[in-house]
Amino acid sequence: MELVRNLWRKSTLIYKSGVQCTSLRHSGTSTSNVAEVAVFSRDGDSGLTITDAGDTKPKDDMIFNALGATDELSSYIGLAREFACDGKVEHPYVDKLKRVQMILFDLSHAISKSVPGKTRSFESKHTKDLEEWILEYANQLPPPEDYIIPGGGKACASLHVARTVCRRAERSITTLVRDGALDKEAQTYLNRLSDFLLTVSRIAAKCDQRTENIYIPRAEVTEEK
């Protein structure tokens, strides 16, 4: 968990430092002490980072790829949540997206602590919750077309982006699961999460009264002309 906390802490410190430096420039105050204001460690400048398990690894190691993909997934879900809140009609899945972000943070913790042969458990309850949510929303929708093209409004499109990043996050942890460093349930969760994101993307289009974009084979387009 310490690695995850450090990643967030460093980002916050750098942001705060930028704000402070800007304030100094605008106020006309001397910037001779800028070095004291800017807080950063430079620890990762060599391309190496220490994991929560205490191992020093290159930044392109599978653990950091998995952490990065999981963090990116949570960020896109956060963006989708904000787009959903901007709509004229309340989107019913907003709180569920926030819950998913919390679980992804826990997943990042498990990834950062992963060691081959020492599996860290991941609760199956999280996957069961997703399955219940999927069934709940699927009952409110017509059967899906074979190929849905991302679009249908900002909330819908952003959920499609989150869905594709979710697939990448799932791929990124496959080796960790295979090596016994991460519970297979985590992989199952991400697999089900991509299904959930697809389902709520359709709910988003419905809430915003937007039409889903459906792939039309080239032959059918020619016939229509």
C-alpha atoms as a PDB file:
ATOM      1  CA  MET A   1       0.000   0.000   0.000  1.00  0.00           C
ATOM      2  CA  GLU A   2       2.968   2.278   0.656  1.00  0.00           C
ATOM      3  CA  LEU A   3       3.936   2.334  -3.023  1.00  0.00           C
ATOM      4  CA  VAL A   4       0.403   3.338  -4.011  1.00  0.00           C
ATOM      5  CA  ARG A   5       0.347   6.042  -1.327  1.00  0.00           C
ATOM      6  CA  ASN A   6       3.737   7.348  -2.451  1.00  0.00           C
ATOM      7  CA  LEU A   7       2.604   7.627  -6.066  1.00  0.00           C
ATOM      8  CA  TRP A   8      -0.392   9.732  -5.023  1.00  0.00           C
ATOM      9  CA  ARG A   9       1.631  11.727  -2.490  1.00  0.00           C
ATOM     10  CA  LYS A  10       4.324  12.669  -5.010  1.00  0.00           C
ATOM     11  CA  SER A  11       1.743  13.826  -7.548  1.00  0.00           C
ATOM     12  CA  THR A  12       0.058  15.994  -4.920  1.00  0.00           C
ATOM     13  CA  LEU A  13       3.330  17.522  -3.735  1.00  0.00           C
ATOM     14  CA  ILE A  14       4.430  18.420  -7.258  1.00  0.00           C
ATOM     15  CA  TYR A  15       1.030  19.999  -7.927  1.00  0.00           C
ATOM     16  CA  LYS A  16       1.157  22.031  -4.726  1.00  0.00           C
ATOM     17  CA  SER A  17       4.701  23.134  -5.509  1.00  0.00           C
ATOM     18  CA  GLY A  18       3.620  24.388  -8.927  1.00  0.00           C
ATOM     19  CA  VAL A  19       0.820  26.408  -7.351  1.00  0.00           C
ATOM     20  CA  GLN A  20       3.186  27.907  -4.787  1.00  0.00           C
ATOM     21  CA  CYS A  21       5.798  28.823  -7.402  1.00  0.00           C
ATOM     22  CA  THR A  22       3.125  30.482  -9.532  1.00  0.00           C
ATOM     23  CA  SER A  23       1.933  32.479  -6.537  1.00  0.00           C
ATOM     24  CA  LEU A  24       5.466  33.714  -5.872  1.00  0.00           C
ATOM     25  CA  ARG A  25       5.917  34.870  -9.464  1.00  0.00           C
ATOM     26  CA  HIS A  26       2.600  36.711  -9.551  1.00  0.00           C
ATOM     27  CA  SER A  27       3.210  38.406  -6.217  1.00  0.00           C
ATOM     28  CA  GLY A  28       6.618  39.695  -7.292  1.00  0.00           C
ATOM     29  CA  THR A  29       8.324  37.817  -4.444  1.00  0.00           C
ATOM     30  CA  SER A  30      11.863  36.627  -5.037  1.00  0.00           C
ATOM     31  CA  THR A  31      12.048  33.072  -6.376  1.00  0.00           C
ATOM     32  CA  SER A  32      15.486  32.384  -4.904  1.00  0.00           C
ATOM     33  CA  ASN A  33      13.920  29.807  -2.609  1.00  0.00           C
ATOM     34  CA  VAL A  34      12.041  27.965  -5.349  1.00  0.00           C
ATOM     35  CA  ALA A  35      14.275  24.928  -4.831  1.00  0.00           C
ATOM     36  CA  GLU A  36      12.965  24.711  -1.275  1.00  0.00           C
ATOM     37  CA  VAL A  37       9.371  24.978  -2.443  1.00  0.00           C
ATOM     38  CA  ALA A  38       9.554  22.336  -5.182  1.00  0.00           C
ATOM     39  CA  VAL A  39       9.261  18.985  -3.470  1.00  0.00           C
ATOM     40  CA  PHE A  40      10.352  15.942  -5.465  1.00  0.00           C
ATOM     41  CA  SER A  41      12.577  12.994  -4.722  1.00  0.00           C
ATOM     42  CA  ARG A  42      14.333  12.270  -8.063  1.00  0.00           C
ATOM     43  CA  ASP A  43      14.418   8.650  -6.844  1.00  0.00           C
ATOM     44  CA  GLY A  44      12.961   7.349 -10.090  1.00  0.00           C
ATOM     45  CA  ASP A  45      15.181   9.342 -12.452  1.00  0.00           C
ATOM     46  CA  SER A  46      17.333   6.269 -13.082  1.00  0.00           C
ATOM     47  CA  GLY A  47      14.333   4.341 -14.407  1.00  0.00           C
ATOM     48  CA  LEU A  48      14.152   2.142 -11.323  1.00  0.00           C
ATOM     49  CA  THR A  49      11.533   2.030  -8.567  1.00  0.00           C
ATOM     50  CA  ILE A  50      11.204   0.093  -5.324  1.00  0.00           C
ATOM     51  CA  THR A  51       8.077  -2.029  -4.928  1.00  0.00           C
ATOM     52  CA  ASP A  52       6.119  -2.395  -1.700  1.00  0.00           C
ATOM     53  CA  ALA A  53       7.689  -5.835  -1.417  1.00  0.00           C
ATOM     54  CA  GLY A  54      11.106  -4.129  -1.188  1.00  0.00           C
ATOM     55  CA  ASP A  55      12.415  -5.138  -4.625  1.00  0.00           C
ATOM     56  CA  THR A  56      14.092  -2.637  -6.946  1.00  0.00           C
ATOM     57  CA  LYS A  57      12.715  -3.057 -10.456  1.00  0.00           C
ATOM     58  CA  PRO A  58      12.821  -1.159 -13.766  1.00  0.00           C
ATOM     59  CA  LYS A  59       9.804   1.050 -14.403  1.00  0.00           C
ATOM     60  CA  ASP A  60       8.729  -1.090 -17.365  1.00  0.00           C
ATOM     61  CA  ASP A  61       8.451  -4.168 -15.142  1.00  0.00           C
ATOM     62  CA  MET A  62       5.135  -6.002 -15.360  1.00  0.00           C
ATOM     63  CA  ILE A  63       4.211  -4.851 -11.848  1.00  0.00           C
ATOM     64  CA  PHE A  64       4.441  -1.179 -12.794  1.00  0.00           C
ATOM     65  CA  ASN A  65       2.685  -1.802 -16.107  1.00  0.00           C
ATOM     66  CA  ALA A  66      -0.150  -3.382 -14.138  1.00  0.00           C
ATOM     67  CA  LEU A  67      -0.195  -0.533 -11.620  1.00  0.00           C
ATOM     68  CA  GLY A  68      -0.189   2.050 -14.410  1.00  0.00           C
ATOM     69  CA  ALA A  69      -3.019   0.376 -16.320  1.00  0.00           C
ATOM     70  CA  THR A  70      -5.101   0.062 -13.152  1.00  0.00           C
ATOM     71  CA  ASP A  71      -4.511   3.718 -12.258  1.00  0.00           C
ATOM     72  CA  GLU A  72      -5.386   4.799 -15.810  1.00  0.00           C
ATOM     73  CA  LEU A  73      -8.566   2.718 -15.650  1.00  0.00           C
ATOM     74  CA  SER A  74      -9.639   4.385 -12.416  1.00  0.00           C
ATOM     75  CA  SER A  75      -8.919   7.813 -13.928  1.00  0.00           C
ATOM     76  CA  TYR A  76     -11.091   7.161 -16.977  1.00  0.00           C
ATOM     77  CA  ILE A  77     -13.874   5.819 -14.782  1.00  0.00           C
ATOM     78  CA  GLY A  78     -13.630   9.050 -12.785  1.00  0.00           C
ATOM     79  CA  LEU A  79     -13.942  11.050 -16.016  1.00  0.00           C
ATOM     80  CA  ALA A  80     -16.968   9.000 -17.059  1.00  0.00           C
ATOM     81  CA  ARG A  81     -18.505   9.600 -13.646  1.00  0.00           C
ATOM     82  CA  GLU A  82     -18.120  13.378 -14.055  1.00  0.00           C
ATOM     83  CA  PHE A  83     -19.686  13.301 -17.531  1.00  0.00           C
ATOM     84  CA  ALA A  84     -22.576  11.302 -16.093  1.00  0.00           C
ATOM     85  CA  CYS A  85     -23.111  13.944 -13.398  1.00  0.00           C
ATOM     86  CA  ASP A  86     -23.234  16.679 -16.049  1.00  0.00           C
ATOM     87  CA  GLY A  87     -26.239  15.155 -17.772  1.00  0.00           C
ATOM     88  CA  LYS A  88     -29.747  16.587 -17.511  1.00  0.00           C
ATOM     89  CA  VAL A  89     -31.041  13.207 -16.317  1.00  0.00           C
ATOM     90  CA  GLU A  90     -29.582  11.401 -13.314  1.00  0.00           C
ATOM     91  CA  HIS A  91     -27.425   8.460 -14.327  1.00  0.00           C
ATOM     92  CA  PRO A  92     -28.198   5.621 -11.877  1.00  0.00           C
ATOM     93  CA  TYR A  93     -24.766   3.969 -11.980  1.00  0.00           C
ATOM     94  CA  VAL A  94     -22.666   6.898 -10.704  1.00  0.00           C
ATOM     95  CA  ASP A  95     -22.250   5.614  -7.148  1.00  0.00           C
ATOM     96  CA  LYS A  96     -21.348   2.188  -8.484  1.00  0.00           C
ATOM     97  CA  LEU A  97     -18.516   3.695 -10.542  1.00  0.00           C
ATOM     98  CA  LYS A  98     -17.136   5.332  -7.403  1.00  0.00           C
ATOM     99  CA  ARG A  99     -17.329   1.979  -5.626  1.00  0.00           C
ATOM    100  CA  VAL A 100     -15.381   0.391  -8.487  1.00  0.00           C
ATOM    101  CA  GLN A 101     -12.669   3.041  -8.133  1.00  0.00           C
ATOM    102  CA  MET A 102     -12.269   2.123  -4.457  1.00  0.00           C
ATOM    103  CA  ILE A 103     -11.888  -1.547  -5.352  1.00  0.00           C
ATOM    104  CA  LEU A 104      -9.324  -0.707  -8.054  1.00  0.00           C
ATOM    105  CA  PHE A 105      -7.296   1.105  -5.396  1.00  0.00           C
ATOM    106  CA  ASP A 106      -7.347  -2.090  -3.333  1.00  0.00           C
ATOM    107  CA  LEU A 107      -6.305  -4.025  -6.433  1.00  0.00           C
ATOM    108  CA  SER A 108      -3.357  -1.659  -6.908  1.00  0.00           C
ATOM    109  CA  HIS A 109      -2.346  -2.422  -3.331  1.00  0.00           C
ATOM    110  CA  ALA A 110      -2.412  -6.150  -4.049  1.00  0.00           C
ATOM    111  CA  ILE A 111      -0.390  -5.662  -7.247  1.00  0.00           C
ATOM    112  CA  SER A 112       2.244  -3.531  -5.502  1.00  0.00           C
ATOM    113  CA  LYS A 113       2.734  -6.255  -2.892  1.00  0.00           C
ATOM    114  CA  SER A 114       2.757  -9.139  -5.376  1.00  0.00           C
ATOM    115  CA  VAL A 115       5.543 -11.705  -5.132  1.00  0.00           C
ATOM    116  CA  PRO A 116       5.695 -14.862  -7.318  1.00  0.00           C
ATOM    117  CA  GLY A 117       4.473 -17.881  -5.387  1.00  0.00           C
ATOM    118  CA  LYS A 118       2.818 -15.783  -2.685  1.00  0.00           C
ATOM    119  CA  THR A 119      -0.716 -15.130  -3.827  1.00  0.00           C
ATOM    120  CA  ARG A 120      -2.571 -12.192  -2.300  1.00  0.00           C
ATOM    121  CA  SER A 121      -6.301 -12.828  -2.034  1.00  0.00           C
ATOM    122  CA  PHE A 122      -8.976 -10.771  -3.789  1.00  0.00           C
ATOM    123  CA  GLU A 123     -12.598 -11.013  -2.658  1.00  0.00           C
ATOM    124  CA  SER A 124     -14.973 -12.821  -5.021  1.00  0.00           C
ATOM    125  CA  LYS A 125     -17.811 -10.689  -3.600  1.00  0.00           C
ATOM    126  CA  HIS A 126     -16.668  -7.796  -5.802  1.00  0.00           C
ATOM    127  CA  THR A 127     -17.204  -9.872  -8.950  1.00  0.00           C
ATOM    128  CA  LYS A 128     -20.620 -11.048  -7.750  1.00  0.00           C
ATOM    129  CA  ASP A 129     -21.643  -7.427  -7.194  1.00  0.00           C
ATOM    130  CA  LEU A 130     -20.708  -6.601 -10.784  1.00  0.00           C
ATOM    131  CA  GLU A 131     -22.740  -9.532 -12.082  1.00  0.00           C
ATOM    132  CA  GLU A 132     -25.796  -8.371 -10.137  1.00  0.00           C
ATOM    133  CA  TRP A 133     -25.389  -4.833 -11.467  1.00  0.00           C
ATOM    134  CA  ILE A 134     -25.005  -6.079 -15.036  1.00  0.00           C
ATOM    135  CA  LEU A 135     -28.230  -8.090 -14.794  1.00  0.00           C
ATOM    136  CA  GLU A 136     -30.029  -5.141 -13.204  1.00  0.00           C
ATOM    137  CA  TYR A 137     -29.175  -2.780 -16.059  1.00  0.00           C
ATOM    138  CA  ALA A 138     -29.379  -5.348 -18.868  1.00  0.00           C
ATOM    139  CA  ASN A 139     -33.055  -5.838 -18.000  1.00  0.00           C
ATOM    140  CA  GLN A 140     -33.598  -2.145 -18.799  1.00  0.00           C
ATOM    141  CA  LEU A 141     -32.061  -2.394 -22.270  1.00  0.00           C
ATOM    142  CA  PRO A 142     -32.914  -4.013 -25.600  1.00  0.00           C
ATOM    143  CA  PRO A 143     -30.655  -6.900 -26.660  1.00  0.00           C
ATOM    144  CA  PRO A 144     -27.255  -5.529 -27.751  1.00  0.00           C
ATOM    145  CA  GLU A 145     -26.246  -5.432 -31.400  1.00  0.00           C
ATOM    146  CA  ASP A 146     -23.269  -7.522 -32.472  1.00  0.00           C
ATOM    147  CA  TYR A 147     -20.953  -4.539 -32.893  1.00  0.00           C
ATOM    148  CA  ILE A 148     -21.411  -1.272 -31.011  1.00  0.00           C
ATOM    149  CA  ILE A 149     -19.132   1.571 -32.103  1.00  0.00           C
ATOM    150  CA  PRO A 150     -18.061   3.889 -29.234  1.00  0.00           C
ATOM    151  CA  GLY A 151     -20.049   7.128 -29.199  1.00  0.00           C
ATOM    152  CA  GLY A 152     -23.540   8.014 -28.034  1.00  0.00           C
ATOM    153  CA  GLY A 153     -22.638  11.057 -25.956  1.00  0.00           C
ATOM    154  CA  LYS A 154     -19.726  12.019 -23.712  1.00  0.00           C
ATOM    155  CA  ALA A 155     -20.684   9.776 -20.804  1.00  0.00           C
ATOM    156  CA  CYS A 156     -21.250   6.802 -23.078  1.00  0.00           C
ATOM    157  CA  ALA A 157     -18.056   7.332 -25.083  1.00  0.00           C
ATOM    158  CA  SER A 158     -15.913   7.810 -21.969  1.00  0.00           C
ATOM    159  CA  LEU A 159     -17.247   4.543 -20.554  1.00  0.00           C
ATOM    160  CA  HIS A 160     -16.202   2.828 -23.777  1.00  0.00           C
ATOM    161  CA  VAL A 161     -12.702   4.229 -23.288  1.00  0.00           C
ATOM    162  CA  ALA A 162     -12.711   2.912 -19.717  1.00  0.00           C
ATOM    163  CA  ARG A 163     -13.843  -0.473 -21.053  1.00  0.00           C
ATOM    164  CA  THR A 164     -10.884  -0.738 -23.450  1.00  0.00           C
ATOM    165  CA  VAL A 165      -8.419   0.344 -20.739  1.00  0.00           C
ATOM    166  CA  CYS A 166     -10.003  -2.284 -18.479  1.00  0.00           C
ATOM    167  CA  ARG A 167      -9.154  -4.937 -21.066  1.00  0.00           C
ATOM    168  CA  ARG A 168      -5.555  -3.748 -21.072  1.00  0.00           C
ATOM    169  CA  ALA A 169      -5.429  -3.788 -17.275  1.00  0.00           C
ATOM    170  CA  GLU A 170      -6.721  -7.352 -17.362  1.00  0.00           C
ATOM    171  CA  ARG A 171      -3.981  -8.346 -19.815  1.00  0.00           C
ATOM    172  CA  SER A 172      -1.359  -6.607 -17.698  1.00  0.00           C
ATOM    173  CA  ILE A 173      -2.041  -8.756 -14.625  1.00  0.00           C
ATOM    174  CA  THR A 174      -2.200 -12.073 -16.483  1.00  0.00           C
ATOM    175  CA  THR A 175       1.466 -12.879 -15.858  1.00  0.00           C
ATOM    176  CA  LEU A 176       1.165 -11.999 -12.174  1.00  0.00           C
ATOM    177  CA  VAL A 177      -1.785 -14.383 -11.881  1.00  0.00           C
ATOM    178  CA  ARG A 178       0.027 -17.113 -13.798  1.00  0.00           C
ATOM    179  CA  ASP A 179       3.090 -16.750 -11.551  1.00  0.00           C
ATOM    180  CA  GLY A 180       0.943 -17.089  -8.437  1.00  0.00           C
ATOM    181  CA  ALA A 181       1.663 -13.523  -7.315  1.00  0.00           C
ATOM    182  CA  LEU A 182      -1.954 -12.370  -7.613  1.00  0.00           C
ATOM    183  CA  ASP A 183      -5.283 -14.070  -6.966  1.00  0.00           C
ATOM    184  CA  LYS A 184      -6.992 -15.245 -10.167  1.00  0.00           C
ATOM    185  CA  GLU A 185     -10.155 -13.618  -8.809  1.00  0.00           C
ATOM    186  CA  ALA A 186      -8.593 -10.223  -9.608  1.00  0.00           C
ATOM    187  CA  GLN A 187      -8.368 -11.219 -13.256  1.00  0.00           C
ATOM    188  CA  THR A 188     -11.966 -12.440 -13.185  1.00  0.00           C
ATOM    189  CA  TYR A 189     -13.037  -9.138 -11.639  1.00  0.00           C
ATOM    190  CA  LEU A 190     -11.460  -7.081 -14.432  1.00  0.00           C
ATOM    191  CA  ASN A 191     -12.987  -9.367 -17.035  1.00  0.00           C
ATOM    192  CA  ARG A 192     -16.430  -8.819 -15.536  1.00  0.00           C
ATOM    193  CA  LEU A 193     -15.771  -5.113 -15.056  1.00  0.00           C
ATOM    194  CA  SER A 194     -15.337  -4.619 -18.798  1.00  0.00           C
ATOM    195  CA  ASP A 195     -18.782  -6.214 -19.283  1.00  0.00           C
ATOM    196  CA  PHE A 196     -20.229  -3.884 -16.664  1.00  0.00           C
ATOM    197  CA  LEU A 197     -18.693  -0.820 -18.332  1.00  0.00           C
ATOM    198  CA  LEU A 198     -20.152  -1.848 -21.681  1.00  0.00           C
ATOM    199  CA  THR A 199     -23.580  -2.292 -20.091  1.00  0.00           C
ATOM    200  CA  VAL A 200     -23.590   1.068 -18.322  1.00  0.00           C
ATOM    201  CA  SER A 201     -22.291   2.781 -21.475  1.00  0.00           C
ATOM    202  CA  ARG A 202     -25.580   1.748 -23.052  1.00  0.00           C
ATOM    203  CA  ILE A 203     -27.470   3.020 -20.001  1.00  0.00           C
ATOM    204  CA  ALA A 204     -25.600   6.329 -20.375  1.00  0.00           C
ATOM    205  CA  ALA A 205     -26.711   6.679 -23.994  1.00  0.00           C
ATOM    206  CA  LYS A 206     -30.281   5.940 -22.922  1.00  0.00           C
ATOM    207  CA  CYS A 207     -30.177   8.509 -20.090  1.00  0.00           C
ATOM    208  CA  ASP A 208     -28.819  11.183 -22.438  1.00  0.00           C
ATOM    209  CA  GLN A 209     -31.329  10.215 -25.143  1.00  0.00           C
ATOM    210  CA  ARG A 210     -28.556   9.449 -27.588  1.00  0.00           C
ATOM    211  CA  THR A 211     -28.558   6.752 -30.248  1.00  0.00           C
ATOM    212  CA  GLU A 212     -25.993   3.991 -30.005  1.00  0.00           C
ATOM    213  CA  ASN A 213     -23.642   3.742 -32.973  1.00  0.00           C
ATOM    214  CA  ILE A 214     -23.930   0.346 -34.634  1.00  0.00           C
ATOM    215  CA  TYR A 215     -21.456  -1.080 -37.113  1.00  0.00           C
ATOM    216  CA  ILE A 216     -23.036  -1.582 -40.537  1.00  0.00           C
ATOM    217  CA  PRO A 217     -21.231  -4.004 -42.882  1.00  0.00           C
ATOM    218  CA  ARG A 218     -20.008  -2.420 -46.100  1.00  0.00           C
ATOM    219  CA  ALA A 219     -22.254  -4.617 -48.235  1.00  0.00           C
ATOM    220  CA  GLU A 220     -25.367  -3.414 -46.421  1.00  0.00           C
ATOM    221  CA  VAL A 221     -24.319   0.235 -46.814  1.00  0.00           C
ATOM    222  CA  THR A 222     -23.963  -0.300 -50.572  1.00  0.00           C
ATOM    223  CA  GLU A 223     -27.410  -1.900 -50.789  1.00  0.00           C
ATOM    224  CA  GLU A 224     -29.013   1.060 -48.975  1.00  0.00           C
ATOM    225  CA  LYS A 225     -27.578   3.467 -51.545  1.00  0.00           C
END
